[in-house]
Amino acid sequence: VQLQASGGGLVQAGGSLRLSCAASGSTSSISAMEWYRQAPGKQREWVAGISRSGSTNYVDSVKGRFTISRDNAENTVYLQMNSLKPEDTAVYYCYQPGIKAYWGQGTLVTVSS
């Protein structure tokens, strides 16, 4: 299984980005998927998750601003990030939980004030 994250970049505060996580060689279409992030000097934190059935959950700090979604036909999970804040600056990782769990390589999001 390989998870390829993309879509990061530099954006001004208040802007938007959409991250993508494409899975290959997996049954990710029936798996839960999650996004984590790790800011400089901080521990990695869970950001959002989407279940096999499509139920979603978010950390309080991104509720109402971020939306996780999935396209099972494309084996891709997205994280739409709106109203970005400087404190959202981090490397974002996609993660497929399970008995054998997989991490994507990370994509850097930088939000300037």
PDB file of N, CA and C in Angstrom:
ATOM      1  N   VAL A   1       0.846  -1.190   0.000  1.00  0.00           N
ATOM      2  CA  VAL A   1       0.000   0.000   0.000  1.00  0.00           C
ATOM      3  C   VAL A   1       0.880   1.237   0.000  1.00  0.00           C
ATOM      4  N   GLN A   2       0.502   2.186  -0.851  1.00  0.00           N
ATOM      5  CA  GLN A   2       1.198   3.475  -0.857  1.00  0.00           C
ATOM      6  C   GLN A   2       0.162   4.581  -0.790  1.00  0.00           C
ATOM      7  N   LEU A   3       0.431   5.556   0.071  1.00  0.00           N
ATOM      8  CA  LEU A   3      -0.425   6.725   0.196  1.00  0.00           C
ATOM      9  C   LEU A   3       0.376   7.927  -0.277  1.00  0.00           C
ATOM     10  N   GLN A   4      -0.133   8.612  -1.281  1.00  0.00           N
ATOM     11  CA  GLN A   4       0.563   9.758  -1.865  1.00  0.00           C
ATOM     12  C   GLN A   4      -0.231  11.020  -1.555  1.00  0.00           C
ATOM     13  N   ALA A   5       0.300  11.837  -0.663  1.00  0.00           N
ATOM     14  CA  ALA A   5      -0.355  13.087  -0.296  1.00  0.00           C
ATOM     15  C   ALA A   5       0.160  14.222  -1.157  1.00  0.00           C
ATOM     16  N   SER A   6      -0.727  15.131  -1.491  1.00  0.00           N
ATOM     17  CA  SER A   6      -0.344  16.286  -2.293  1.00  0.00           C
ATOM     18  C   SER A   6      -1.295  17.436  -2.009  1.00  0.00           C
ATOM     19  N   GLY A   7      -0.949  18.615  -2.540  1.00  0.00           N
ATOM     20  CA  GLY A   7      -1.834  19.756  -2.433  1.00  0.00           C
ATOM     21  C   GLY A   7      -1.385  20.821  -1.456  1.00  0.00           C
ATOM     22  N   GLY A   8      -0.320  20.574  -0.738  1.00  0.00           N
ATOM     23  CA  GLY A   8       0.165  21.578   0.196  1.00  0.00           C
ATOM     24  C   GLY A   8       0.779  22.763  -0.529  1.00  0.00           C
ATOM     25  N   GLY A   9       1.054  23.804   0.227  1.00  0.00           N
ATOM     26  CA  GLY A   9       1.654  24.982  -0.367  1.00  0.00           C
ATOM     27  C   GLY A   9       1.609  26.147   0.595  1.00  0.00           C
ATOM     28  N   LEU A  10       1.909  27.318   0.053  1.00  0.00           N
ATOM     29  CA  LEU A  10       1.910  28.556   0.828  1.00  0.00           C
ATOM     30  C   LEU A  10       0.646  29.337   0.519  1.00  0.00           C
ATOM     31  N   VAL A  11      -0.052  29.748   1.558  1.00  0.00           N
ATOM     32  CA  VAL A  11      -1.288  30.487   1.387  1.00  0.00           C
ATOM     33  C   VAL A  11      -1.380  31.547   2.475  1.00  0.00           C
ATOM     34  N   GLN A  12      -2.052  32.632   2.164  1.00  0.00           N
ATOM     35  CA  GLN A  12      -2.259  33.673   3.163  1.00  0.00           C
ATOM     36  C   GLN A  12      -3.383  33.278   4.115  1.00  0.00           C
ATOM     37  N   ALA A  13      -3.339  33.832   5.283  1.00  0.00           N
ATOM     38  CA  ALA A  13      -4.401  33.590   6.258  1.00  0.00           C
ATOM     39  C   ALA A  13      -5.745  33.945   5.637  1.00  0.00           C
ATOM     40  N   GLY A  14      -6.720  33.089   5.886  1.00  0.00           N
ATOM     41  CA  GLY A  14      -8.034  33.265   5.294  1.00  0.00           C
ATOM     42  C   GLY A  14      -8.229  32.520   3.991  1.00  0.00           C
ATOM     43  N   GLY A  15      -7.152  32.031   3.446  1.00  0.00           N
ATOM     44  CA  GLY A  15      -7.213  31.321   2.176  1.00  0.00           C
ATOM     45  C   GLY A  15      -7.609  29.867   2.328  1.00  0.00           C
ATOM     46  N   SER A  16      -7.555  29.158   1.209  1.00  0.00           N
ATOM     47  CA  SER A  16      -7.980  27.762   1.170  1.00  0.00           C
ATOM     48  C   SER A  16      -6.967  26.901   0.433  1.00  0.00           C
ATOM     49  N   LEU A  17      -6.947  25.649   0.814  1.00  0.00           N
ATOM     50  CA  LEU A  17      -6.179  24.634   0.113  1.00  0.00           C
ATOM     51  C   LEU A  17      -6.971  23.335   0.158  1.00  0.00           C
ATOM     52  N   ARG A  18      -6.737  22.489  -0.823  1.00  0.00           N
ATOM     53  CA  ARG A  18      -7.320  21.148  -0.785  1.00  0.00           C
ATOM     54  C   ARG A  18      -6.207  20.125  -0.883  1.00  0.00           C
ATOM     55  N   LEU A  19      -6.103  19.314   0.122  1.00  0.00           N
ATOM     56  CA  LEU A  19      -5.136  18.228   0.130  1.00  0.00           C
ATOM     57  C   LEU A  19      -5.771  16.965  -0.432  1.00  0.00           C
ATOM     58  N   SER A  20      -4.946  16.186  -1.094  1.00  0.00           N
ATOM     59  CA  SER A  20      -5.398  14.910  -1.628  1.00  0.00           C
ATOM     60  C   SER A  20      -4.491  13.802  -1.118  1.00  0.00           C
ATOM     61  N   CYS A  21      -5.067  12.635  -0.955  1.00  0.00           N
ATOM     62  CA  CYS A  21      -4.293  11.460  -0.559  1.00  0.00           C
ATOM     63  C   CYS A  21      -4.762  10.309  -1.439  1.00  0.00           C
ATOM     64  N   ALA A  22      -3.921   9.945  -2.383  1.00  0.00           N
ATOM     65  CA  ALA A  22      -4.253   8.879  -3.313  1.00  0.00           C
ATOM     66  C   ALA A  22      -3.635   7.575  -2.835  1.00  0.00           C
ATOM     67  N   ALA A  23      -4.454   6.553  -2.765  1.00  0.00           N
ATOM     68  CA  ALA A  23      -3.992   5.250  -2.306  1.00  0.00           C
ATOM     69  C   ALA A  23      -3.856   4.301  -3.478  1.00  0.00           C
ATOM     70  N   SER A  24      -2.814   3.523  -3.448  1.00  0.00           N
ATOM     71  CA  SER A  24      -2.615   2.524  -4.490  1.00  0.00           C
ATOM     72  C   SER A  24      -2.302   1.191  -3.847  1.00  0.00           C
ATOM     73  N   GLY A  25      -2.733   0.142  -4.548  1.00  0.00           N
ATOM     74  CA  GLY A  25      -2.437  -1.203  -4.071  1.00  0.00           C
ATOM     75  C   GLY A  25      -3.115  -1.542  -2.774  1.00  0.00           C
ATOM     76  N   SER A  26      -4.313  -0.950  -2.530  1.00  0.00           N
ATOM     77  CA  SER A  26      -4.938  -1.196  -1.234  1.00  0.00           C
ATOM     78  C   SER A  26      -6.430  -1.372  -1.382  1.00  0.00           C
ATOM     79  N   THR A  27      -7.057  -1.700  -0.296  1.00  0.00           N
ATOM     80  CA  THR A  27      -8.515  -1.725  -0.258  1.00  0.00           C
ATOM     81  C   THR A  27      -9.015  -0.481   0.435  1.00  0.00           C
ATOM     82  N   SER A  28      -8.346   0.646   0.174  1.00  0.00           N
ATOM     83  CA  SER A  28      -8.682   1.875   0.895  1.00  0.00           C
ATOM     84  C   SER A  28     -10.117   2.315   0.659  1.00  0.00           C
ATOM     85  N   SER A  29     -10.730   1.849  -0.413  1.00  0.00           N
ATOM     86  CA  SER A  29     -12.098   2.264  -0.681  1.00  0.00           C
ATOM     87  C   SER A  29     -13.049   1.774   0.402  1.00  0.00           C
ATOM     88  N   ILE A  30     -12.631   0.769   1.172  1.00  0.00           N
ATOM     89  CA  ILE A  30     -13.500   0.299   2.238  1.00  0.00           C
ATOM     90  C   ILE A  30     -12.862   0.527   3.595  1.00  0.00           C
ATOM     91  N   SER A  31     -11.841   1.337   3.620  1.00  0.00           N
ATOM     92  CA  SER A  31     -11.135   1.587   4.860  1.00  0.00           C
ATOM     93  C   SER A  31     -11.421   2.984   5.375  1.00  0.00           C
ATOM     94  N   ALA A  32     -11.356   3.126   6.678  1.00  0.00           N
ATOM     95  CA  ALA A  32     -11.361   4.455   7.249  1.00  0.00           C
ATOM     96  C   ALA A  32     -10.054   5.143   6.866  1.00  0.00           C
ATOM     97  N   MET A  33     -10.109   6.444   6.766  1.00  0.00           N
ATOM     98  CA  MET A  33      -8.907   7.225   6.465  1.00  0.00           C
ATOM     99  C   MET A  33      -8.866   8.430   7.379  1.00  0.00           C
ATOM    100  N   GLU A  34      -7.670   8.893   7.677  1.00  0.00           N
ATOM    101  CA  GLU A  34      -7.508  10.014   8.595  1.00  0.00           C
ATOM    102  C   GLU A  34      -6.428  10.967   8.097  1.00  0.00           C
ATOM    103  N   TRP A  35      -6.528  12.177   8.565  1.00  0.00           N
ATOM    104  CA  TRP A  35      -5.479  13.176   8.355  1.00  0.00           C
ATOM    105  C   TRP A  35      -4.900  13.558   9.712  1.00  0.00           C
ATOM    106  N   TYR A  36      -3.579  13.666   9.747  1.00  0.00           N
ATOM    107  CA  TYR A  36      -2.846  14.159  10.891  1.00  0.00           C
ATOM    108  C   TYR A  36      -2.006  15.348  10.436  1.00  0.00           C
ATOM    109  N   ARG A  37      -1.513  16.093  11.399  1.00  0.00           N
ATOM    110  CA  ARG A  37      -0.579  17.153  11.069  1.00  0.00           C
ATOM    111  C   ARG A  37       0.460  17.283  12.186  1.00  0.00           C
ATOM    112  N   GLN A  38       1.608  17.807  11.792  1.00  0.00           N
ATOM    113  CA  GLN A  38       2.678  18.025  12.744  1.00  0.00           C
ATOM    114  C   GLN A  38       3.298  19.387  12.485  1.00  0.00           C
ATOM    115  N   ALA A  39       3.075  20.271  13.437  1.00  0.00           N
ATOM    116  CA  ALA A  39       3.644  21.608  13.348  1.00  0.00           C
ATOM    117  C   ALA A  39       5.083  21.581  13.851  1.00  0.00           C
ATOM    118  N   PRO A  40       5.889  22.549  13.449  1.00  0.00           N
ATOM    119  CA  PRO A  40       7.289  22.588  13.889  1.00  0.00           C
ATOM    120  C   PRO A  40       7.395  22.571  15.408  1.00  0.00           C
ATOM    121  N   GLY A  41       8.180  21.648  15.922  1.00  0.00           N
ATOM    122  CA  GLY A  41       8.403  21.583  17.355  1.00  0.00           C
ATOM    123  C   GLY A  41       7.276  20.996  18.160  1.00  0.00           C
ATOM    124  N   LYS A  42       6.258  20.464  17.483  1.00  0.00           N
ATOM    125  CA  LYS A  42       5.110  19.904  18.192  1.00  0.00           C
ATOM    126  C   LYS A  42       4.899  18.447  17.818  1.00  0.00           C
ATOM    127  N   GLN A  43       4.087  17.789  18.634  1.00  0.00           N
ATOM    128  CA  GLN A  43       3.764  16.398  18.342  1.00  0.00           C
ATOM    129  C   GLN A  43       2.739  16.319  17.217  1.00  0.00           C
ATOM    130  N   ARG A  44       2.763  15.191  16.554  1.00  0.00           N
ATOM    131  CA  ARG A  44       1.761  14.973  15.513  1.00  0.00           C
ATOM    132  C   ARG A  44       0.384  14.874  16.150  1.00  0.00           C
ATOM    133  N   GLU A  45      -0.588  15.535  15.521  1.00  0.00           N
ATOM    134  CA  GLU A  45      -1.937  15.508  16.071  1.00  0.00           C
ATOM    135  C   GLU A  45      -2.938  15.064  15.013  1.00  0.00           C
ATOM    136  N   TRP A  46      -3.943  14.389  15.465  1.00  0.00           N
ATOM    137  CA  TRP A  46      -5.040  13.959  14.601  1.00  0.00           C
ATOM    138  C   TRP A  46      -5.880  15.166  14.224  1.00  0.00           C
ATOM    139  N   VAL A  47      -6.286  15.233  12.961  1.00  0.00           N
ATOM    140  CA  VAL A  47      -7.043  16.377  12.467  1.00  0.00           C
ATOM    141  C   VAL A  47      -8.467  15.984  12.091  1.00  0.00           C
ATOM    142  N   ALA A  48      -8.600  14.921  11.320  1.00  0.00           N
ATOM    143  CA  ALA A  48      -9.925  14.546  10.822  1.00  0.00           C
ATOM    144  C   ALA A  48      -9.908  13.086  10.406  1.00  0.00           C
ATOM    145  N   GLY A  49     -11.090  12.497  10.394  1.00  0.00           N
ATOM    146  CA  GLY A  49     -11.217  11.112   9.969  1.00  0.00           C
ATOM    147  C   GLY A  49     -12.525  10.889   9.254  1.00  0.00           C
ATOM    148  N   ILE A  50     -12.515   9.920   8.358  1.00  0.00           N
ATOM    149  CA  ILE A  50     -13.730   9.530   7.652  1.00  0.00           C
ATOM    150  C   ILE A  50     -13.826   8.019   7.703  1.00  0.00           C
ATOM    151  N   SER A  51     -14.995   7.536   8.096  1.00  0.00           N
ATOM    152  CA  SER A  51     -15.181   6.108   8.271  1.00  0.00           C
ATOM    153  C   SER A  51     -15.501   5.429   6.950  1.00  0.00           C
ATOM    154  N   ARG A  52     -15.602   4.122   6.999  1.00  0.00           N
ATOM    155  CA  ARG A  52     -15.982   3.364   5.807  1.00  0.00           C
ATOM    156  C   ARG A  52     -17.344   3.812   5.285  1.00  0.00           C
ATOM    157  N   SER A  53     -18.233   4.165   6.209  1.00  0.00           N
ATOM    158  CA  SER A  53     -19.579   4.569   5.806  1.00  0.00           C
ATOM    159  C   SER A  53     -19.666   6.035   5.428  1.00  0.00           C
ATOM    160  N   GLY A  54     -18.590   6.773   5.629  1.00  0.00           N
ATOM    161  CA  GLY A  54     -18.591   8.184   5.263  1.00  0.00           C
ATOM    162  C   GLY A  54     -18.809   9.129   6.421  1.00  0.00           C
ATOM    163  N   SER A  55     -18.936   8.588   7.627  1.00  0.00           N
ATOM    164  CA  SER A  55     -19.062   9.461   8.791  1.00  0.00           C
ATOM    165  C   SER A  55     -17.749  10.194   9.023  1.00  0.00           C
ATOM    166  N   THR A  56     -17.855  11.435   9.446  1.00  0.00           N
ATOM    167  CA  THR A  56     -16.660  12.263   9.603  1.00  0.00           C
ATOM    168  C   THR A  56     -16.535  12.792  11.023  1.00  0.00           C
ATOM    169  N   ASN A  57     -15.300  13.045  11.408  1.00  0.00           N
ATOM    170  CA  ASN A  57     -15.009  13.650  12.698  1.00  0.00           C
ATOM    171  C   ASN A  57     -13.830  14.588  12.552  1.00  0.00           C
ATOM    172  N   TYR A  58     -13.794  15.603  13.411  1.00  0.00           N
ATOM    173  CA  TYR A  58     -12.757  16.617  13.323  1.00  0.00           C
ATOM    174  C   TYR A  58     -12.264  17.015  14.707  1.00  0.00           C
ATOM    175  N   VAL A  59     -11.032  17.428  14.770  1.00  0.00           N
ATOM    176  CA  VAL A  59     -10.541  18.042  15.991  1.00  0.00           C
ATOM    177  C   VAL A  59     -11.230  19.391  16.135  1.00  0.00           C
ATOM    178  N   ASP A  60     -11.465  19.810  17.355  1.00  0.00           N
ATOM    179  CA  ASP A  60     -12.250  21.029  17.578  1.00  0.00           C
ATOM    180  C   ASP A  60     -11.669  22.245  16.862  1.00  0.00           C
ATOM    181  N   SER A  61     -10.368  22.327  16.770  1.00  0.00           N
ATOM    182  CA  SER A  61      -9.738  23.522  16.218  1.00  0.00           C
ATOM    183  C   SER A  61      -9.995  23.716  14.717  1.00  0.00           C
ATOM    184  N   VAL A  62     -10.476  22.686  14.037  1.00  0.00           N
ATOM    185  CA  VAL A  62     -10.722  22.823  12.588  1.00  0.00           C
ATOM    186  C   VAL A  62     -12.198  22.663  12.229  1.00  0.00           C
ATOM    187  N   LYS A  63     -13.031  22.376  13.199  1.00  0.00           N
ATOM    188  CA  LYS A  63     -14.456  22.209  12.916  1.00  0.00           C
ATOM    189  C   LYS A  63     -15.032  23.462  12.298  1.00  0.00           C
ATOM    190  N   GLY A  64     -15.801  23.258  11.233  1.00  0.00           N
ATOM    191  CA  GLY A  64     -16.398  24.375  10.533  1.00  0.00           C
ATOM    192  C   GLY A  64     -15.495  24.989   9.474  1.00  0.00           C
ATOM    193  N   ARG A  65     -14.237  24.593   9.453  1.00  0.00           N
ATOM    194  CA  ARG A  65     -13.294  25.131   8.467  1.00  0.00           C
ATOM    195  C   ARG A  65     -12.764  24.053   7.533  1.00  0.00           C
ATOM    196  N   PHE A  66     -12.575  22.865   8.032  1.00  0.00           N
ATOM    197  CA  PHE A  66     -12.024  21.761   7.241  1.00  0.00           C
ATOM    198  C   PHE A  66     -13.122  20.747   6.941  1.00  0.00           C
ATOM    199  N   THR A  67     -13.017  20.132   5.779  1.00  0.00           N
ATOM    200  CA  THR A  67     -13.950  19.077   5.393  1.00  0.00           C
ATOM    201  C   THR A  67     -13.175  17.910   4.804  1.00  0.00           C
ATOM    202  N   ILE A  68     -13.378  16.736   5.379  1.00  0.00           N
ATOM    203  CA  ILE A  68     -12.762  15.526   4.841  1.00  0.00           C
ATOM    204  C   ILE A  68     -13.796  14.805   3.985  1.00  0.00           C
ATOM    205  N   SER A  69     -13.354  14.285   2.863  1.00  0.00           N
ATOM    206  CA  SER A  69     -14.255  13.564   1.972  1.00  0.00           C
ATOM    207  C   SER A  69     -13.456  12.487   1.248  1.00  0.00           C
ATOM    208  N   ARG A  70     -14.184  11.635   0.557  1.00  0.00           N
ATOM    209  CA  ARG A  70     -13.490  10.559  -0.151  1.00  0.00           C
ATOM    210  C   ARG A  70     -14.162  10.264  -1.466  1.00  0.00           C
ATOM    211  N   ASP A  71     -13.377   9.804  -2.397  1.00  0.00           N
ATOM    212  CA  ASP A  71     -13.866   9.345  -3.685  1.00  0.00           C
ATOM    213  C   ASP A  71     -13.416   7.892  -3.803  1.00  0.00           C
ATOM    214  N   ASN A  72     -14.322   6.987  -3.510  1.00  0.00           N
ATOM    215  CA  ASN A  72     -13.943   5.577  -3.479  1.00  0.00           C
ATOM    216  C   ASN A  72     -13.541   5.059  -4.856  1.00  0.00           C
ATOM    217  N   ALA A  73     -14.151   5.597  -5.888  1.00  0.00           N
ATOM    218  CA  ALA A  73     -13.820   5.148  -7.239  1.00  0.00           C
ATOM    219  C   ALA A  73     -12.370   5.493  -7.585  1.00  0.00           C
ATOM    220  N   GLU A  74     -11.895   6.598  -7.014  1.00  0.00           N
ATOM    221  CA  GLU A  74     -10.527   7.045  -7.278  1.00  0.00           C
ATOM    222  C   GLU A  74      -9.556   6.656  -6.164  1.00  0.00           C
ATOM    223  N   ASN A  75     -10.054   5.982  -5.125  1.00  0.00           N
ATOM    224  CA  ASN A  75      -9.209   5.630  -3.975  1.00  0.00           C
ATOM    225  C   ASN A  75      -8.479   6.852  -3.436  1.00  0.00           C
ATOM    226  N   THR A  76      -9.224   7.934  -3.312  1.00  0.00           N
ATOM    227  CA  THR A  76      -8.618   9.193  -2.893  1.00  0.00           C
ATOM    228  C   THR A  76      -9.430   9.819  -1.764  1.00  0.00           C
ATOM    229  N   VAL A  77      -8.717  10.371  -0.810  1.00  0.00           N
ATOM    230  CA  VAL A  77      -9.333  11.104   0.288  1.00  0.00           C
ATOM    231  C   VAL A  77      -8.865  12.554   0.195  1.00  0.00           C
ATOM    232  N   TYR A  78      -9.763  13.462   0.498  1.00  0.00           N
ATOM    233  CA  TYR A  78      -9.461  14.883   0.390  1.00  0.00           C
ATOM    234  C   TYR A  78      -9.610  15.556   1.737  1.00  0.00           C
ATOM    235  N   LEU A  79      -8.898  16.655   1.897  1.00  0.00           N
ATOM    236  CA  LEU A  79      -9.100  17.528   3.046  1.00  0.00           C
ATOM    237  C   LEU A  79      -9.193  18.953   2.513  1.00  0.00           C
ATOM    238  N   GLN A  80     -10.410  19.447   2.466  1.00  0.00           N
ATOM    239  CA  GLN A  80     -10.641  20.826   2.047  1.00  0.00           C
ATOM    240  C   GLN A  80     -10.441  21.713   3.255  1.00  0.00           C
ATOM    241  N   MET A  81      -9.538  22.650   3.152  1.00  0.00           N
ATOM    242  CA  MET A  81      -9.200  23.524   4.273  1.00  0.00           C
ATOM    243  C   MET A  81      -9.522  24.962   3.892  1.00  0.00           C
ATOM    244  N   ASN A  82     -10.474  25.543   4.590  1.00  0.00           N
ATOM    245  CA  ASN A  82     -10.886  26.923   4.355  1.00  0.00           C
ATOM    246  C   ASN A  82     -10.556  27.782   5.564  1.00  0.00           C
ATOM    247  N   SER A  83     -10.583  29.074   5.372  1.00  0.00           N
ATOM    248  CA  SER A  83     -10.326  30.024   6.460  1.00  0.00           C
ATOM    249  C   SER A  83      -9.061  29.647   7.225  1.00  0.00           C
ATOM    250  N   LEU A  84      -8.017  29.387   6.478  1.00  0.00           N
ATOM    251  CA  LEU A  84      -6.780  28.918   7.101  1.00  0.00           C
ATOM    252  C   LEU A  84      -6.173  29.982   8.001  1.00  0.00           C
ATOM    253  N   LYS A  85      -5.553  29.508   9.068  1.00  0.00           N
ATOM    254  CA  LYS A  85      -4.918  30.364  10.056  1.00  0.00           C
ATOM    255  C   LYS A  85      -3.429  30.023  10.140  1.00  0.00           C
ATOM    256  N   PRO A  86      -2.615  30.949  10.584  1.00  0.00           N
ATOM    257  CA  PRO A  86      -1.181  30.639  10.721  1.00  0.00           C
ATOM    258  C   PRO A  86      -0.929  29.397  11.576  1.00  0.00           C
ATOM    259  N   GLU A  87      -1.777  29.163  12.560  1.00  0.00           N
ATOM    260  CA  GLU A  87      -1.582  27.994  13.424  1.00  0.00           C
ATOM    261  C   GLU A  87      -1.917  26.676  12.736  1.00  0.00           C
ATOM    262  N   ASP A  88      -2.425  26.746  11.518  1.00  0.00           N
ATOM    263  CA  ASP A  88      -2.643  25.530  10.730  1.00  0.00           C
ATOM    264  C   ASP A  88      -1.374  25.099   9.999  1.00  0.00           C
ATOM    265  N   THR A  89      -0.355  25.919  10.070  1.00  0.00           N
ATOM    266  CA  THR A  89       0.911  25.584   9.429  1.00  0.00           C
ATOM    267  C   THR A  89       1.470  24.288   9.999  1.00  0.00           C
ATOM    268  N   ALA A  90       1.734  23.332   9.122  1.00  0.00           N
ATOM    269  CA  ALA A  90       2.196  22.015   9.564  1.00  0.00           C
ATOM    270  C   ALA A  90       2.454  21.148   8.335  1.00  0.00           C
ATOM    271  N   VAL A  91       3.086  20.031   8.579  1.00  0.00           N
ATOM    272  CA  VAL A  91       3.128  18.977   7.577  1.00  0.00           C
ATOM    273  C   VAL A  91       1.911  18.095   7.822  1.00  0.00           C
ATOM    274  N   TYR A  92       1.138  17.884   6.777  1.00  0.00           N
ATOM    275  CA  TYR A  92      -0.084  17.099   6.877  1.00  0.00           C
ATOM    276  C   TYR A  92       0.152  15.707   6.300  1.00  0.00           C
ATOM    277  N   TYR A  93      -0.316  14.723   7.058  1.00  0.00           N
ATOM    278  CA  TYR A  93      -0.126  13.327   6.679  1.00  0.00           C
ATOM    279  C   TYR A  93      -1.479  12.624   6.572  1.00  0.00           C
ATOM    280  N   CYS A  94      -1.634  11.804   5.563  1.00  0.00           N
ATOM    281  CA  CYS A  94      -2.793  10.935   5.540  1.00  0.00           C
ATOM    282  C   CYS A  94      -2.405   9.594   6.142  1.00  0.00           C
ATOM    283  N   TYR A  95      -3.397   8.928   6.686  1.00  0.00           N
ATOM    284  CA  TYR A  95      -3.151   7.715   7.461  1.00  0.00           C
ATOM    285  C   TYR A  95      -4.305   6.759   7.253  1.00  0.00           C
ATOM    286  N   GLN A  96      -3.949   5.520   6.981  1.00  0.00           N
ATOM    287  CA  GLN A  96      -4.947   4.471   6.868  1.00  0.00           C
ATOM    288  C   GLN A  96      -4.780   3.535   8.052  1.00  0.00           C
ATOM    289  N   PRO A  97      -5.717   3.586   9.001  1.00  0.00           N
ATOM    290  CA  PRO A  97      -5.602   2.732  10.172  1.00  0.00           C
ATOM    291  C   PRO A  97      -5.957   1.292   9.844  1.00  0.00           C
ATOM    292  N   GLY A  98      -5.574   0.403  10.730  1.00  0.00           N
ATOM    293  CA  GLY A  98      -5.899  -0.989  10.552  1.00  0.00           C
ATOM    294  C   GLY A  98      -4.851  -1.871  11.185  1.00  0.00           C
ATOM    295  N   ILE A  99      -5.042  -3.177  11.039  1.00  0.00           N
ATOM    296  CA  ILE A  99      -4.060  -4.127  11.561  1.00  0.00           C
ATOM    297  C   ILE A  99      -2.696  -3.810  10.950  1.00  0.00           C
ATOM    298  N   LYS A 100      -2.712  -3.515   9.661  1.00  0.00           N
ATOM    299  CA  LYS A 100      -1.522  -2.963   9.007  1.00  0.00           C
ATOM    300  C   LYS A 100      -1.860  -1.527   8.636  1.00  0.00           C
ATOM    301  N   ALA A 101      -1.239  -0.601   9.334  1.00  0.00           N
ATOM    302  CA  ALA A 101      -1.534   0.807   9.116  1.00  0.00           C
ATOM    303  C   ALA A 101      -0.494   1.420   8.192  1.00  0.00           C
ATOM    304  N   TYR A 102      -0.923   2.451   7.472  1.00  0.00           N
ATOM    305  CA  TYR A 102      -0.033   3.074   6.497  1.00  0.00           C
ATOM    306  C   TYR A 102      -0.084   4.586   6.637  1.00  0.00           C
ATOM    307  N   TRP A 103       1.072   5.212   6.453  1.00  0.00           N
ATOM    308  CA  TRP A 103       1.200   6.668   6.455  1.00  0.00           C
ATOM    309  C   TRP A 103       1.596   7.152   5.076  1.00  0.00           C
ATOM    310  N   GLY A 104       1.041   8.309   4.687  1.00  0.00           N
ATOM    311  CA  GLY A 104       1.535   8.991   3.509  1.00  0.00           C
ATOM    312  C   GLY A 104       2.808   9.741   3.852  1.00  0.00           C
ATOM    313  N   GLN A 105       3.421  10.344   2.849  1.00  0.00           N
ATOM    314  CA  GLN A 105       4.728  10.955   3.055  1.00  0.00           C
ATOM    315  C   GLN A 105       4.645  12.367   3.615  1.00  0.00           C
ATOM    316  N   GLY A 106       3.481  12.959   3.650  1.00  0.00           N
ATOM    317  CA  GLY A 106       3.328  14.297   4.184  1.00  0.00           C
ATOM    318  C   GLY A 106       3.408  15.372   3.114  1.00  0.00           C
ATOM    319  N   THR A 107       2.634  16.410   3.330  1.00  0.00           N
ATOM    320  CA  THR A 107       2.653  17.567   2.437  1.00  0.00           C
ATOM    321  C   THR A 107       2.618  18.822   3.303  1.00  0.00           C
ATOM    322  N   LEU A 108       3.478  19.774   2.996  1.00  0.00           N
ATOM    323  CA  LEU A 108       3.658  20.953   3.842  1.00  0.00           C
ATOM    324  C   LEU A 108       2.630  22.031   3.514  1.00  0.00           C
ATOM    325  N   VAL A 109       1.970  22.501   4.545  1.00  0.00           N
ATOM    326  CA  VAL A 109       1.042  23.626   4.438  1.00  0.00           C
ATOM    327  C   VAL A 109       1.608  24.772   5.264  1.00  0.00           C
ATOM    328  N   THR A 110       1.798  25.901   4.618  1.00  0.00           N
ATOM    329  CA  THR A 110       2.309  27.079   5.304  1.00  0.00           C
ATOM    330  C   THR A 110       1.304  28.208   5.137  1.00  0.00           C
ATOM    331  N   VAL A 111       0.837  28.739   6.250  1.00  0.00           N
ATOM    332  CA  VAL A 111      -0.143  29.819   6.232  1.00  0.00           C
ATOM    333  C   VAL A 111       0.529  31.068   6.782  1.00  0.00           C
ATOM    334  N   SER A 112       0.614  32.076   5.944  1.00  0.00           N
ATOM    335  CA  SER A 112       1.253  33.325   6.350  1.00  0.00           C
ATOM    336  C   SER A 112       0.225  34.300   6.907  1.00  0.00           C
ATOM    337  N   SER A 113       0.663  35.098   7.847  1.00  0.00           N
ATOM    338  CA  SER A 113      -0.263  36.062   8.484  1.00  0.00           C
ATOM    339  C   SER A 113      -0.267  37.386   7.735  1.00  0.00           C
TER     340      SER A 113
END
